[in-house]
Amino acid sequence: MAEIRWTEEALRRLQDIYNYIAEDNPVIAHKVIKEIYDRAQILHRFPQIGHTYRCESDGEIRILLYGHYRIAYLLKPTGAVDILGVFHGSLDIDRYLP
């Protein structure tokens, strides 16, 4: 099973998503964040499930979809997974990924 680590940036983005949705409905905000987190848990067993976004020297940046959101993660050669961020589909992801 792959180890999953959430970067500080990814956690900040989850908080931003929560705050935005919670302005209208805190219950739904909690549900969305939980479902994004739950979706990412599939990476424990299937770390290559996301499509390859680009290859870097330290691994492959891949994208896992959940609804209108893209979960960007780095799949390292060791098999470990670093969640880089969670982005709404309308955002230009290139502006935010390293």
N, C-alpha and C. Protein backbone atom coordinates (compact mmCIF):
# COMPACT_ATOMS: atom_id res chain seq x y z
N MET A 1 0.84 -1.19 0.00
CA MET A 1 0.00 0.00 0.00
C MET A 1 0.88 1.25 0.00
N ALA A 2 0.49 2.20 -0.81
CA ALA A 2 1.25 3.45 -0.92
C ALA A 2 0.96 4.34 0.29
N GLU A 3 1.99 5.00 0.75
CA GLU A 3 1.83 6.00 1.80
C GLU A 3 1.36 7.29 1.15
N ILE A 4 0.35 7.93 1.76
CA ILE A 4 -0.18 9.19 1.25
C ILE A 4 0.17 10.30 2.24
N ARG A 5 0.78 11.35 1.71
CA ARG A 5 1.09 12.52 2.54
C ARG A 5 0.44 13.74 1.89
N TRP A 6 -0.22 14.55 2.71
CA TRP A 6 -0.84 15.79 2.24
C TRP A 6 0.13 16.93 2.51
N THR A 7 0.48 17.69 1.47
CA THR A 7 1.37 18.83 1.65
C THR A 7 0.62 19.96 2.34
N GLU A 8 1.39 20.90 2.88
CA GLU A 8 0.77 22.09 3.50
C GLU A 8 -0.11 22.82 2.49
N GLU A 9 0.37 22.93 1.26
CA GLU A 9 -0.40 23.60 0.21
C GLU A 9 -1.74 22.90 -0.03
N ALA A 10 -1.71 21.58 -0.09
CA ALA A 10 -2.95 20.82 -0.31
C ALA A 10 -3.93 21.05 0.84
N LEU A 11 -3.43 21.04 2.06
CA LEU A 11 -4.30 21.28 3.21
C LEU A 11 -4.87 22.69 3.21
N ARG A 12 -4.06 23.67 2.79
CA ARG A 12 -4.55 25.04 2.67
C ARG A 12 -5.66 25.13 1.63
N ARG A 13 -5.48 24.44 0.53
CA ARG A 13 -6.49 24.46 -0.54
C ARG A 13 -7.79 23.82 -0.07
N LEU A 14 -7.69 22.73 0.68
CA LEU A 14 -8.91 22.11 1.24
C LEU A 14 -9.62 23.09 2.16
N GLN A 15 -8.86 23.80 2.98
CA GLN A 15 -9.45 24.78 3.89
C GLN A 15 -10.12 25.90 3.10
N ASP A 16 -9.48 26.35 2.02
CA ASP A 16 -10.08 27.39 1.18
C ASP A 16 -11.40 26.92 0.55
N ILE A 17 -11.41 25.67 0.08
CA ILE A 17 -12.62 25.11 -0.50
C ILE A 17 -13.72 25.06 0.56
N TYR A 18 -13.35 24.57 1.74
CA TYR A 18 -14.32 24.50 2.83
C TYR A 18 -14.89 25.89 3.15
N ASN A 19 -14.00 26.86 3.32
CA ASN A 19 -14.44 28.22 3.68
C ASN A 19 -15.38 28.80 2.63
N TYR A 20 -15.06 28.59 1.37
CA TYR A 20 -15.89 29.13 0.29
C TYR A 20 -17.29 28.52 0.32
N ILE A 21 -17.36 27.21 0.42
CA ILE A 21 -18.66 26.53 0.42
C ILE A 21 -19.43 26.82 1.70
N ALA A 22 -18.70 26.89 2.83
CA ALA A 22 -19.33 27.08 4.14
C ALA A 22 -20.01 28.44 4.27
N GLU A 23 -19.62 29.41 3.45
CA GLU A 23 -20.30 30.69 3.48
C GLU A 23 -21.79 30.52 3.22
N ASP A 24 -22.12 29.54 2.38
CA ASP A 24 -23.53 29.27 2.08
C ASP A 24 -24.08 28.10 2.87
N ASN A 25 -23.23 27.06 3.09
CA ASN A 25 -23.76 25.86 3.73
C ASN A 25 -22.62 25.06 4.37
N PRO A 26 -22.39 25.22 5.68
CA PRO A 26 -21.32 24.51 6.36
C PRO A 26 -21.46 22.98 6.32
N VAL A 27 -22.68 22.50 6.33
CA VAL A 27 -22.89 21.05 6.28
C VAL A 27 -22.41 20.47 4.95
N ILE A 28 -22.76 21.13 3.87
CA ILE A 28 -22.31 20.69 2.55
C ILE A 28 -20.80 20.85 2.42
N ALA A 29 -20.24 21.91 2.98
CA ALA A 29 -18.79 22.13 2.94
C ALA A 29 -18.07 20.95 3.58
N HIS A 30 -18.54 20.54 4.75
CA HIS A 30 -17.93 19.39 5.43
C HIS A 30 -18.05 18.13 4.57
N LYS A 31 -19.19 17.93 3.96
CA LYS A 31 -19.43 16.75 3.12
C LYS A 31 -18.48 16.74 1.92
N VAL A 32 -18.31 17.86 1.27
CA VAL A 32 -17.44 17.94 0.09
C VAL A 32 -15.99 17.63 0.48
N ILE A 33 -15.51 18.22 1.56
CA ILE A 33 -14.13 17.99 2.00
C ILE A 33 -13.92 16.53 2.36
N LYS A 34 -14.88 15.95 3.06
CA LYS A 34 -14.78 14.53 3.41
C LYS A 34 -14.74 13.66 2.16
N GLU A 35 -15.55 13.97 1.19
CA GLU A 35 -15.59 13.17 -0.04
C GLU A 35 -14.31 13.33 -0.86
N ILE A 36 -13.73 14.53 -0.87
CA ILE A 36 -12.44 14.71 -1.56
C ILE A 36 -11.38 13.85 -0.85
N TYR A 37 -11.34 13.95 0.47
CA TYR A 37 -10.38 13.15 1.24
C TYR A 37 -10.60 11.65 0.99
N ASP A 38 -11.85 11.22 1.04
CA ASP A 38 -12.16 9.81 0.82
C ASP A 38 -11.74 9.36 -0.58
N ARG A 39 -11.96 10.21 -1.57
CA ARG A 39 -11.57 9.88 -2.95
C ARG A 39 -10.06 9.66 -3.04
N ALA A 40 -9.29 10.50 -2.35
CA ALA A 40 -7.83 10.38 -2.38
C ALA A 40 -7.34 9.09 -1.74
N GLN A 41 -8.15 8.50 -0.87
CA GLN A 41 -7.72 7.28 -0.19
C GLN A 41 -7.55 6.09 -1.14
N ILE A 42 -8.15 6.16 -2.32
CA ILE A 42 -7.98 5.10 -3.31
C ILE A 42 -6.52 4.98 -3.72
N LEU A 43 -5.76 6.05 -3.53
CA LEU A 43 -4.35 6.05 -3.91
C LEU A 43 -3.51 5.11 -3.05
N HIS A 44 -4.00 4.75 -1.87
CA HIS A 44 -3.31 3.76 -1.05
C HIS A 44 -3.12 2.46 -1.85
N ARG A 45 -4.18 2.03 -2.47
CA ARG A 45 -4.15 0.74 -3.19
C ARG A 45 -3.84 0.88 -4.66
N PHE A 46 -4.22 2.02 -5.25
CA PHE A 46 -4.05 2.20 -6.70
C PHE A 46 -3.39 3.55 -6.98
N PRO A 47 -2.12 3.71 -6.65
CA PRO A 47 -1.47 5.02 -6.81
C PRO A 47 -1.35 5.50 -8.25
N GLN A 48 -1.47 4.61 -9.21
CA GLN A 48 -1.36 5.01 -10.61
C GLN A 48 -2.71 5.27 -11.28
N ILE A 49 -3.77 5.34 -10.49
CA ILE A 49 -5.11 5.48 -11.06
C ILE A 49 -5.33 6.82 -11.77
N GLY A 50 -4.69 7.87 -11.29
CA GLY A 50 -4.85 9.18 -11.91
C GLY A 50 -4.13 9.25 -13.24
N HIS A 51 -4.58 10.17 -14.11
CA HIS A 51 -3.87 10.27 -15.39
C HIS A 51 -2.60 11.10 -15.21
N THR A 52 -1.60 10.75 -15.99
CA THR A 52 -0.32 11.44 -15.90
C THR A 52 -0.45 12.85 -16.46
N TYR A 53 -0.09 13.82 -15.64
CA TYR A 53 -0.14 15.22 -16.04
C TYR A 53 1.20 15.64 -16.64
N ARG A 54 2.26 15.30 -15.92
CA ARG A 54 3.60 15.51 -16.46
C ARG A 54 4.61 14.74 -15.60
N CYS A 55 5.76 14.49 -16.20
CA CYS A 55 6.84 13.77 -15.51
C CYS A 55 7.87 14.78 -15.01
N GLU A 56 8.32 14.57 -13.79
CA GLU A 56 9.32 15.42 -13.17
C GLU A 56 10.49 14.53 -12.75
N SER A 57 11.59 15.13 -12.35
CA SER A 57 12.75 14.35 -11.93
C SER A 57 12.47 13.54 -10.67
N ASP A 58 11.55 14.01 -9.82
CA ASP A 58 11.24 13.30 -8.58
C ASP A 58 9.98 12.45 -8.65
N GLY A 59 9.43 12.26 -9.85
CA GLY A 59 8.27 11.39 -10.02
C GLY A 59 7.30 11.95 -11.04
N GLU A 60 6.11 11.36 -11.06
CA GLU A 60 5.06 11.78 -11.99
C GLU A 60 4.00 12.59 -11.26
N ILE A 61 3.65 13.72 -11.82
CA ILE A 61 2.50 14.45 -11.31
C ILE A 61 1.28 13.88 -12.02
N ARG A 62 0.33 13.43 -11.21
CA ARG A 62 -0.88 12.81 -11.73
C ARG A 62 -2.09 13.55 -11.21
N ILE A 63 -3.21 13.36 -11.90
CA ILE A 63 -4.46 14.03 -11.53
C ILE A 63 -5.54 12.97 -11.31
N LEU A 64 -6.18 13.06 -10.16
CA LEU A 64 -7.31 12.21 -9.82
C LEU A 64 -8.53 13.12 -9.75
N LEU A 65 -9.59 12.74 -10.42
CA LEU A 65 -10.79 13.58 -10.46
C LEU A 65 -11.78 13.22 -9.37
N TYR A 66 -12.42 14.26 -8.85
CA TYR A 66 -13.57 14.11 -7.97
C TYR A 66 -14.53 15.24 -8.29
N GLY A 67 -15.63 14.93 -8.92
CA GLY A 67 -16.60 15.96 -9.28
C GLY A 67 -15.95 17.07 -10.09
N HIS A 68 -16.10 18.30 -9.62
CA HIS A 68 -15.52 19.46 -10.31
C HIS A 68 -14.08 19.73 -9.88
N TYR A 69 -13.53 18.86 -9.06
CA TYR A 69 -12.20 19.08 -8.49
C TYR A 69 -11.17 18.11 -9.08
N ARG A 70 -9.93 18.62 -9.12
CA ARG A 70 -8.80 17.80 -9.54
C ARG A 70 -7.84 17.69 -8.35
N ILE A 71 -7.54 16.47 -7.98
CA ILE A 71 -6.60 16.21 -6.90
C ILE A 71 -5.25 15.94 -7.58
N ALA A 72 -4.32 16.87 -7.42
CA ALA A 72 -3.00 16.73 -8.04
C ALA A 72 -2.07 16.06 -7.03
N TYR A 73 -1.35 15.05 -7.50
CA TYR A 73 -0.43 14.36 -6.60
C TYR A 73 0.84 13.96 -7.32
N LEU A 74 1.90 13.81 -6.53
CA LEU A 74 3.18 13.38 -7.04
C LEU A 74 3.35 11.92 -6.67
N LEU A 75 3.48 11.07 -7.67
CA LEU A 75 3.75 9.66 -7.45
C LEU A 75 5.26 9.49 -7.55
N LYS A 76 5.88 9.22 -6.43
CA LYS A 76 7.33 9.09 -6.37
C LYS A 76 7.77 7.71 -6.83
N PRO A 77 9.01 7.58 -7.28
CA PRO A 77 9.52 6.26 -7.70
C PRO A 77 9.42 5.20 -6.60
N THR A 78 9.42 5.63 -5.35
CA THR A 78 9.31 4.69 -4.23
C THR A 78 7.88 4.16 -4.07
N GLY A 79 6.92 4.79 -4.76
CA GLY A 79 5.52 4.43 -4.64
C GLY A 79 4.76 5.32 -3.68
N ALA A 80 5.47 6.19 -2.95
CA ALA A 80 4.81 7.13 -2.04
C ALA A 80 4.05 8.18 -2.85
N VAL A 81 3.01 8.72 -2.24
CA VAL A 81 2.16 9.72 -2.89
C VAL A 81 2.14 10.99 -2.05
N ASP A 82 2.45 12.11 -2.68
CA ASP A 82 2.33 13.41 -2.03
C ASP A 82 1.18 14.16 -2.72
N ILE A 83 0.14 14.47 -1.96
CA ILE A 83 -0.96 15.27 -2.51
C ILE A 83 -0.47 16.71 -2.58
N LEU A 84 -0.43 17.26 -3.79
CA LEU A 84 0.11 18.60 -4.01
C LEU A 84 -0.95 19.69 -3.86
N GLY A 85 -2.18 19.36 -4.21
CA GLY A 85 -3.23 20.35 -4.12
C GLY A 85 -4.54 19.82 -4.64
N VAL A 86 -5.61 20.52 -4.33
CA VAL A 86 -6.95 20.22 -4.83
C VAL A 86 -7.42 21.48 -5.52
N PHE A 87 -7.79 21.34 -6.80
CA PHE A 87 -8.09 22.50 -7.63
C PHE A 87 -9.46 22.35 -8.28
N HIS A 88 -10.20 23.43 -8.27
CA HIS A 88 -11.46 23.44 -9.02
C HIS A 88 -11.13 23.33 -10.49
N GLY A 89 -11.97 22.66 -11.25
CA GLY A 89 -11.74 22.43 -12.67
C GLY A 89 -11.60 23.69 -13.49
N SER A 90 -12.12 24.81 -13.00
CA SER A 90 -12.04 26.06 -13.77
C SER A 90 -10.69 26.76 -13.62
N LEU A 91 -9.87 26.32 -12.68
CA LEU A 91 -8.58 26.96 -12.45
C LEU A 91 -7.53 26.46 -13.44
N ASP A 92 -6.61 27.34 -13.81
CA ASP A 92 -5.47 26.96 -14.63
C ASP A 92 -4.45 26.31 -13.71
N ILE A 93 -4.43 25.01 -13.70
CA ILE A 93 -3.61 24.25 -12.75
C ILE A 93 -2.12 24.53 -12.92
N ASP A 94 -1.68 24.89 -14.12
CA ASP A 94 -0.26 25.18 -14.34
C ASP A 94 0.23 26.35 -13.49
N ARG A 95 -0.64 27.25 -13.14
CA ARG A 95 -0.25 28.40 -12.31
C ARG A 95 0.06 28.00 -10.88
N TYR A 96 -0.41 26.83 -10.46
CA TYR A 96 -0.31 26.45 -9.05
C TYR A 96 0.63 25.28 -8.77
N LEU A 97 0.92 24.48 -9.77
CA LEU A 97 1.80 23.34 -9.55
C LEU A 97 3.25 23.76 -9.72
N PRO A 98 4.14 23.16 -8.92
CA PRO A 98 5.57 23.52 -8.99
C PRO A 98 6.17 23.17 -10.34
